Amino acid sequence: MVLVKHRDKISGRLSTGDGSPVVGPMGTMHSHLPIVDPSKGTLLQVTSMTGDCEQGAKPRIALIISGLAGLAIAAFALLVWLVNPFRVPGELDVLDQVSLGDGNVLLLAQRYNGSIAEPSTITVYQELPGKVWVAYYVDHESSYWRSGRIQASGDEDGRYIVWRGNKAVALIDSGSHEARSLEDTQLVRKASLLDQNPLDDPKRRPQSRGQFKP
């Protein structure tokens, strides 16, 4: 076997083709295997590099992987907080319920509409005498409500405020059957008559029969 000198392309140092290591810059080791073409006297084996460079790369790769994992966990937590995608689309989620003076009730409810950006539709349902149900629009492009409540306004009988956390978002007038947005006071909607009690089949969204007319 013919052994020849070979200049390492990385370290710039010479080595023989007998497999002995050559110390390169910063203490890196370049191992050369003795695979030589006897006719031309050239080294055929590509050298491999180990040492400080490889050892320094491992912590950086681990740090990158750890950072990506942290971002993925944070993104998932944000998705659950704002959307709660584990809900069944269309299924009723009752947030609050109050009894009215006539023995009937108001229900504050949300339904998951399947959207990621605006996942919740918020509605107030009112039961009227004769087992008639009407619905008041609150929002159909809302993020997930983790809590909500209905509270008597205190200024007039039959008027109720819808709260999301500490924020008042709508005023329900159960006497005139109107819903007024407290974020846009010009937005007033009449209640709509429903084809069924929303509690009879919580997975089915009640259909509107048009504007309710007492």
C-alpha atoms as a PDB file:
ATOM      1  CA  MET A   1       0.000   0.000   0.000  1.00  0.00           C
ATOM      2  CA  VAL A   2       1.297   3.446  -0.874  1.00  0.00           C
ATOM      3  CA  LEU A   3       0.823   6.089   1.804  1.00  0.00           C
ATOM      4  CA  VAL A   4       0.809   9.695   0.689  1.00  0.00           C
ATOM      5  CA  LYS A   5       0.555  13.005   2.373  1.00  0.00           C
ATOM      6  CA  HIS A   6      -2.836  14.674   2.212  1.00  0.00           C
ATOM      7  CA  ARG A   7      -3.698  18.286   3.015  1.00  0.00           C
ATOM      8  CA  ASP A   8      -6.898  18.498   5.021  1.00  0.00           C
ATOM      9  CA  LYS A   9      -9.309  20.968   3.374  1.00  0.00           C
ATOM     10  CA  ILE A  10     -10.692  22.106   6.722  1.00  0.00           C
ATOM     11  CA  SER A  11      -7.616  22.418   8.915  1.00  0.00           C
ATOM     12  CA  GLY A  12      -5.115  23.128   6.150  1.00  0.00           C
ATOM     13  CA  ARG A  13      -2.646  20.689   7.718  1.00  0.00           C
ATOM     14  CA  LEU A  14      -0.895  17.697   6.223  1.00  0.00           C
ATOM     15  CA  SER A  15      -1.440  14.108   7.252  1.00  0.00           C
ATOM     16  CA  THR A  16      -0.353  10.719   6.038  1.00  0.00           C
ATOM     17  CA  GLY A  17      -2.982   8.304   4.808  1.00  0.00           C
ATOM     18  CA  ASP A  18      -2.307   5.835   7.630  1.00  0.00           C
ATOM     19  CA  GLY A  19      -5.345   6.837   9.720  1.00  0.00           C
ATOM     20  CA  SER A  20      -3.395   8.901  12.271  1.00  0.00           C
ATOM     21  CA  PRO A  21      -5.262  11.979  13.483  1.00  0.00           C
ATOM     22  CA  VAL A  22      -4.130  15.498  12.809  1.00  0.00           C
ATOM     23  CA  VAL A  23      -4.895  18.251  15.308  1.00  0.00           C
ATOM     24  CA  GLY A  24      -6.652  21.129  13.575  1.00  0.00           C
ATOM     25  CA  PRO A  25      -7.732  24.602  14.677  1.00  0.00           C
ATOM     26  CA  MET A  26      -9.332  24.904  18.136  1.00  0.00           C
ATOM     27  CA  GLY A  27      -8.308  21.351  18.978  1.00  0.00           C
ATOM     28  CA  THR A  28     -10.529  19.654  16.377  1.00  0.00           C
ATOM     29  CA  MET A  29      -9.476  16.166  15.315  1.00  0.00           C
ATOM     30  CA  HIS A  30      -9.456  15.062  11.680  1.00  0.00           C
ATOM     31  CA  SER A  31      -9.298  11.295  11.176  1.00  0.00           C
ATOM     32  CA  HIS A  32      -7.963  10.002   7.836  1.00  0.00           C
ATOM     33  CA  LEU A  33      -8.473   6.408   6.763  1.00  0.00           C
ATOM     34  CA  PRO A  34      -5.678   4.807   4.684  1.00  0.00           C
ATOM     35  CA  ILE A  35      -7.614   4.276   1.475  1.00  0.00           C
ATOM     36  CA  VAL A  36      -5.121   5.187  -1.258  1.00  0.00           C
ATOM     37  CA  ASP A  37      -5.030   4.759  -5.024  1.00  0.00           C
ATOM     38  CA  PRO A  38      -1.613   3.109  -5.582  1.00  0.00           C
ATOM     39  CA  SER A  39      -1.408   4.147  -9.220  1.00  0.00           C
ATOM     40  CA  LYS A  40      -2.003   7.826  -8.648  1.00  0.00           C
ATOM     41  CA  GLY A  41      -0.938   8.218  -5.064  1.00  0.00           C
ATOM     42  CA  THR A  42      -4.070  10.068  -4.088  1.00  0.00           C
ATOM     43  CA  LEU A  43      -6.265   9.612  -1.025  1.00  0.00           C
ATOM     44  CA  LEU A  44      -9.753   8.383  -1.886  1.00  0.00           C
ATOM     45  CA  GLN A  45     -11.414   8.475   1.551  1.00  0.00           C
ATOM     46  CA  VAL A  46     -13.215  11.694   2.541  1.00  0.00           C
ATOM     47  CA  THR A  47     -12.103  12.768   5.987  1.00  0.00           C
ATOM     48  CA  SER A  48     -14.498  13.047   8.890  1.00  0.00           C
ATOM     49  CA  MET A  49     -14.339  15.762  11.510  1.00  0.00           C
ATOM     50  CA  THR A  50     -15.052  15.346  15.207  1.00  0.00           C
ATOM     51  CA  GLY A  51     -14.154  17.268  18.305  1.00  0.00           C
ATOM     52  CA  ASP A  52     -14.962  20.697  19.629  1.00  0.00           C
ATOM     53  CA  CYS A  53     -17.055  21.795  16.618  1.00  0.00           C
ATOM     54  CA  GLU A  54     -19.356  18.771  16.927  1.00  0.00           C
ATOM     55  CA  GLN A  55     -19.556  19.121  20.696  1.00  0.00           C
ATOM     56  CA  GLY A  56     -20.424  22.794  20.377  1.00  0.00           C
ATOM     57  CA  ALA A  57     -23.172  22.106  17.831  1.00  0.00           C
ATOM     58  CA  LYS A  58     -25.078  19.649  20.051  1.00  0.00           C
ATOM     59  CA  PRO A  59     -26.042  22.191  22.753  1.00  0.00           C
ATOM     60  CA  ARG A  60     -27.169  24.659  20.069  1.00  0.00           C
ATOM     61  CA  ILE A  61     -29.395  22.052  18.409  1.00  0.00           C
ATOM     62  CA  ALA A  62     -30.871  21.074  21.785  1.00  0.00           C
ATOM     63  CA  LEU A  63     -31.547  24.752  22.542  1.00  0.00           C
ATOM     64  CA  ILE A  64     -33.325  25.239  19.203  1.00  0.00           C
ATOM     65  CA  ILE A  65     -35.476  22.138  19.733  1.00  0.00           C
ATOM     66  CA  SER A  66     -36.331  23.265  23.267  1.00  0.00           C
ATOM     67  CA  GLY A  67     -37.329  26.728  21.993  1.00  0.00           C
ATOM     68  CA  LEU A  68     -39.560  25.299  19.256  1.00  0.00           C
ATOM     69  CA  ALA A  69     -41.241  22.984  21.767  1.00  0.00           C
ATOM     70  CA  GLY A  70     -41.896  25.936  24.072  1.00  0.00           C
ATOM     71  CA  LEU A  71     -43.474  27.934  21.242  1.00  0.00           C
ATOM     72  CA  ALA A  72     -45.697  24.984  20.297  1.00  0.00           C
ATOM     73  CA  ILE A  73     -46.919  24.602  23.898  1.00  0.00           C
ATOM     74  CA  ALA A  74     -47.619  28.346  24.177  1.00  0.00           C
ATOM     75  CA  ALA A  75     -49.538  28.351  20.869  1.00  0.00           C
ATOM     76  CA  PHE A  76     -51.638  25.378  21.984  1.00  0.00           C
ATOM     77  CA  ALA A  77     -52.440  27.023  25.330  1.00  0.00           C
ATOM     78  CA  LEU A  78     -53.509  30.222  23.536  1.00  0.00           C
ATOM     79  CA  LEU A  79     -55.727  28.213  21.178  1.00  0.00           C
ATOM     80  CA  VAL A  80     -57.474  26.507  24.112  1.00  0.00           C
ATOM     81  CA  TRP A  81     -57.929  29.834  25.943  1.00  0.00           C
ATOM     82  CA  LEU A  82     -59.389  31.760  22.995  1.00  0.00           C
ATOM     83  CA  VAL A  83     -61.192  29.013  21.082  1.00  0.00           C
ATOM     84  CA  ASN A  84     -61.595  25.861  23.192  1.00  0.00           C
ATOM     85  CA  PRO A  85     -61.759  23.701  20.037  1.00  0.00           C
ATOM     86  CA  PHE A  86     -62.725  20.591  22.032  1.00  0.00           C
ATOM     87  CA  ARG A  87     -66.371  21.663  22.066  1.00  0.00           C
ATOM     88  CA  VAL A  88     -68.971  20.035  19.852  1.00  0.00           C
ATOM     89  CA  PRO A  89     -69.971  22.456  17.048  1.00  0.00           C
ATOM     90  CA  GLY A  90     -73.490  23.796  17.585  1.00  0.00           C
ATOM     91  CA  GLU A  91     -73.908  22.338  21.072  1.00  0.00           C
ATOM     92  CA  LEU A  92     -75.523  24.577  23.693  1.00  0.00           C
ATOM     93  CA  ASP A  93     -73.334  25.824  26.562  1.00  0.00           C
ATOM     94  CA  VAL A  94     -75.426  27.621  29.213  1.00  0.00           C
ATOM     95  CA  LEU A  95     -73.386  30.301  30.975  1.00  0.00           C
ATOM     96  CA  ASP A  96     -76.072  31.730  33.258  1.00  0.00           C
ATOM     97  CA  GLN A  97     -79.783  31.565  34.004  1.00  0.00           C
ATOM     98  CA  VAL A  98     -82.126  33.950  35.835  1.00  0.00           C
ATOM     99  CA  SER A  99     -85.786  33.591  36.788  1.00  0.00           C
ATOM    100  CA  LEU A 100     -88.221  36.238  35.643  1.00  0.00           C
ATOM    101  CA  GLY A 101     -91.172  37.597  37.573  1.00  0.00           C
ATOM    102  CA  ASP A 102     -93.667  35.571  35.530  1.00  0.00           C
ATOM    103  CA  GLY A 103     -91.947  32.317  36.481  1.00  0.00           C
ATOM    104  CA  ASN A 104     -90.139  31.950  33.174  1.00  0.00           C
ATOM    105  CA  VAL A 105     -86.397  32.250  32.553  1.00  0.00           C
ATOM    106  CA  LEU A 106     -83.605  34.005  30.676  1.00  0.00           C
ATOM    107  CA  LEU A 107     -80.673  31.880  29.533  1.00  0.00           C
ATOM    108  CA  LEU A 108     -77.264  33.207  28.524  1.00  0.00           C
ATOM    109  CA  ALA A 109     -75.676  30.669  26.199  1.00  0.00           C
ATOM    110  CA  GLN A 110     -72.911  30.198  23.674  1.00  0.00           C
ATOM    111  CA  ARG A 111     -72.472  27.768  20.812  1.00  0.00           C
ATOM    112  CA  TYR A 112     -69.266  26.757  19.055  1.00  0.00           C
ATOM    113  CA  ASN A 113     -69.623  27.638  15.371  1.00  0.00           C
ATOM    114  CA  GLY A 114     -66.508  25.750  14.229  1.00  0.00           C
ATOM    115  CA  SER A 115     -64.428  28.844  13.450  1.00  0.00           C
ATOM    116  CA  ILE A 116     -60.928  29.396  14.826  1.00  0.00           C
ATOM    117  CA  ALA A 117     -60.812  33.197  14.558  1.00  0.00           C
ATOM    118  CA  GLU A 118     -64.378  33.856  15.814  1.00  0.00           C
ATOM    119  CA  PRO A 119     -65.533  30.599  17.377  1.00  0.00           C
ATOM    120  CA  SER A 120     -68.554  31.498  19.528  1.00  0.00           C
ATOM    121  CA  THR A 121     -72.112  32.673  18.944  1.00  0.00           C
ATOM    122  CA  ILE A 122     -73.608  34.311  22.038  1.00  0.00           C
ATOM    123  CA  THR A 123     -77.385  34.358  22.520  1.00  0.00           C
ATOM    124  CA  VAL A 124     -79.875  35.125  25.279  1.00  0.00           C
ATOM    125  CA  TYR A 125     -82.945  32.896  25.235  1.00  0.00           C
ATOM    126  CA  GLN A 126     -86.190  33.894  26.928  1.00  0.00           C
ATOM    127  CA  GLU A 127     -89.081  31.622  27.805  1.00  0.00           C
ATOM    128  CA  LEU A 128     -92.492  33.271  27.485  1.00  0.00           C
ATOM    129  CA  PRO A 129     -95.898  32.137  28.770  1.00  0.00           C
ATOM    130  CA  GLY A 130     -97.319  29.276  26.734  1.00  0.00           C
ATOM    131  CA  LYS A 131     -93.884  27.630  26.362  1.00  0.00           C
ATOM    132  CA  VAL A 132     -92.898  30.064  23.647  1.00  0.00           C
ATOM    133  CA  TRP A 133     -89.173  30.791  23.269  1.00  0.00           C
ATOM    134  CA  VAL A 134     -87.472  33.819  21.758  1.00  0.00           C
ATOM    135  CA  ALA A 135     -83.804  34.616  21.153  1.00  0.00           C
ATOM    136  CA  TYR A 136     -81.852  37.867  21.590  1.00  0.00           C
ATOM    137  CA  TYR A 137     -78.726  38.376  19.512  1.00  0.00           C
ATOM    138  CA  VAL A 138     -75.564  39.288  21.447  1.00  0.00           C
ATOM    139  CA  ASP A 139     -72.632  38.277  19.194  1.00  0.00           C
ATOM    140  CA  HIS A 140     -71.895  35.730  16.454  1.00  0.00           C
ATOM    141  CA  GLU A 141     -68.166  36.452  16.008  1.00  0.00           C
ATOM    142  CA  SER A 142     -66.867  36.215  19.541  1.00  0.00           C
ATOM    143  CA  SER A 143     -63.927  34.419  21.065  1.00  0.00           C
ATOM    144  CA  TYR A 144     -64.669  31.734  23.649  1.00  0.00           C
ATOM    145  CA  TRP A 145     -66.477  32.992  26.750  1.00  0.00           C
ATOM    146  CA  ARG A 146     -64.999  31.390  29.847  1.00  0.00           C
ATOM    147  CA  SER A 147     -67.693  33.034  31.971  1.00  0.00           C
ATOM    148  CA  GLY A 148     -70.741  35.249  31.601  1.00  0.00           C
ATOM    149  CA  ARG A 149     -73.762  36.333  33.603  1.00  0.00           C
ATOM    150  CA  ILE A 150     -77.107  38.095  33.404  1.00  0.00           C
ATOM    151  CA  GLN A 151     -77.906  40.740  36.010  1.00  0.00           C
ATOM    152  CA  ALA A 152     -80.937  42.953  36.535  1.00  0.00           C
ATOM    153  CA  SER A 153     -80.111  46.514  35.467  1.00  0.00           C
ATOM    154  CA  GLY A 154     -81.805  47.976  38.547  1.00  0.00           C
ATOM    155  CA  ASP A 155     -83.126  51.024  36.677  1.00  0.00           C
ATOM    156  CA  GLU A 156     -86.271  49.460  35.266  1.00  0.00           C
ATOM    157  CA  ASP A 157     -88.138  46.175  35.648  1.00  0.00           C
ATOM    158  CA  GLY A 158     -87.565  43.645  32.930  1.00  0.00           C
ATOM    159  CA  ARG A 159     -84.178  45.041  31.839  1.00  0.00           C
ATOM    160  CA  TYR A 160     -81.086  42.881  32.207  1.00  0.00           C
ATOM    161  CA  ILE A 161     -77.413  43.430  31.521  1.00  0.00           C
ATOM    162  CA  VAL A 162     -75.253  40.742  29.937  1.00  0.00           C
ATOM    163  CA  TRP A 163     -71.765  40.649  31.406  1.00  0.00           C
ATOM    164  CA  ARG A 164     -68.631  39.021  30.078  1.00  0.00           C
ATOM    165  CA  GLY A 165     -66.310  38.966  33.042  1.00  0.00           C
ATOM    166  CA  ASN A 166     -66.285  42.572  34.262  1.00  0.00           C
ATOM    167  CA  LYS A 167     -67.463  44.033  30.959  1.00  0.00           C
ATOM    168  CA  ALA A 168     -71.108  44.856  30.209  1.00  0.00           C
ATOM    169  CA  VAL A 169     -71.762  43.934  26.582  1.00  0.00           C
ATOM    170  CA  ALA A 170     -75.538  44.015  26.037  1.00  0.00           C
ATOM    171  CA  LEU A 171     -78.836  45.197  27.522  1.00  0.00           C
ATOM    172  CA  ILE A 172     -81.845  42.874  27.238  1.00  0.00           C
ATOM    173  CA  ASP A 173     -85.310  44.381  27.592  1.00  0.00           C
ATOM    174  CA  SER A 174     -87.622  41.435  28.242  1.00  0.00           C
ATOM    175  CA  GLY A 175     -90.666  43.732  28.131  1.00  0.00           C
ATOM    176  CA  SER A 176     -90.155  45.312  24.707  1.00  0.00           C
ATOM    177  CA  HIS A 177     -88.231  42.226  23.529  1.00  0.00           C
ATOM    178  CA  GLU A 178     -85.194  44.137  22.322  1.00  0.00           C
ATOM    179  CA  ALA A 179     -81.441  43.639  22.688  1.00  0.00           C
ATOM    180  CA  ARG A 180     -79.144  46.666  22.640  1.00  0.00           C
ATOM    181  CA  SER A 181     -75.381  46.403  22.276  1.00  0.00           C
ATOM    182  CA  LEU A 182     -73.493  48.350  24.947  1.00  0.00           C
ATOM    183  CA  GLU A 183     -70.402  48.413  22.718  1.00  0.00           C
ATOM    184  CA  ASP A 184     -72.363  50.006  19.866  1.00  0.00           C
ATOM    185  CA  THR A 185     -75.438  51.686  21.353  1.00  0.00           C
ATOM    186  CA  GLN A 186     -76.915  52.275  17.890  1.00  0.00           C
ATOM    187  CA  LEU A 187     -77.207  48.522  17.396  1.00  0.00           C
ATOM    188  CA  VAL A 188     -80.663  47.403  18.531  1.00  0.00           C
ATOM    189  CA  ARG A 189     -82.271  44.108  17.498  1.00  0.00           C
ATOM    190  CA  LYS A 190     -85.722  42.700  18.080  1.00  0.00           C
ATOM    191  CA  ALA A 191     -86.097  39.212  19.531  1.00  0.00           C
ATOM    192  CA  SER A 192     -86.726  36.379  17.088  1.00  0.00           C
ATOM    193  CA  LEU A 193     -89.317  33.661  17.581  1.00  0.00           C
ATOM    194  CA  LEU A 194     -87.881  30.126  17.808  1.00  0.00           C
ATOM    195  CA  ASP A 195     -89.257  26.860  16.555  1.00  0.00           C
ATOM    196  CA  GLN A 196     -88.388  24.968  19.749  1.00  0.00           C
ATOM    197  CA  ASN A 197     -87.148  25.098  23.312  1.00  0.00           C
ATOM    198  CA  PRO A 198     -83.321  25.335  23.018  1.00  0.00           C
ATOM    199  CA  LEU A 199     -82.969  22.940  25.947  1.00  0.00           C
ATOM    200  CA  ASP A 200     -84.977  20.163  24.295  1.00  0.00           C
ATOM    201  CA  ASP A 201     -82.090  19.267  21.997  1.00  0.00           C
ATOM    202  CA  PRO A 202     -78.889  21.078  23.092  1.00  0.00           C
ATOM    203  CA  LYS A 203     -76.991  19.817  20.032  1.00  0.00           C
ATOM    204  CA  ARG A 204     -79.478  21.379  17.618  1.00  0.00           C
ATOM    205  CA  ARG A 205     -79.526  25.108  17.000  1.00  0.00           C
ATOM    206  CA  PRO A 206     -83.167  26.346  17.116  1.00  0.00           C
ATOM    207  CA  GLN A 207     -84.419  27.880  13.882  1.00  0.00           C
ATOM    208  CA  SER A 208     -85.873  31.383  13.735  1.00  0.00           C
ATOM    209  CA  ARG A 209     -89.452  31.881  12.594  1.00  0.00           C
ATOM    210  CA  GLY A 210     -88.892  35.575  12.118  1.00  0.00           C
ATOM    211  CA  GLN A 211     -89.199  38.586  14.376  1.00  0.00           C
ATOM    212  CA  PHE A 212     -91.228  38.022  17.508  1.00  0.00           C
ATOM    213  CA  LYS A 213     -94.440  40.041  17.642  1.00  0.00           C
ATOM    214  CA  PRO A 214     -96.299  39.937  20.973  1.00  0.00           C
END
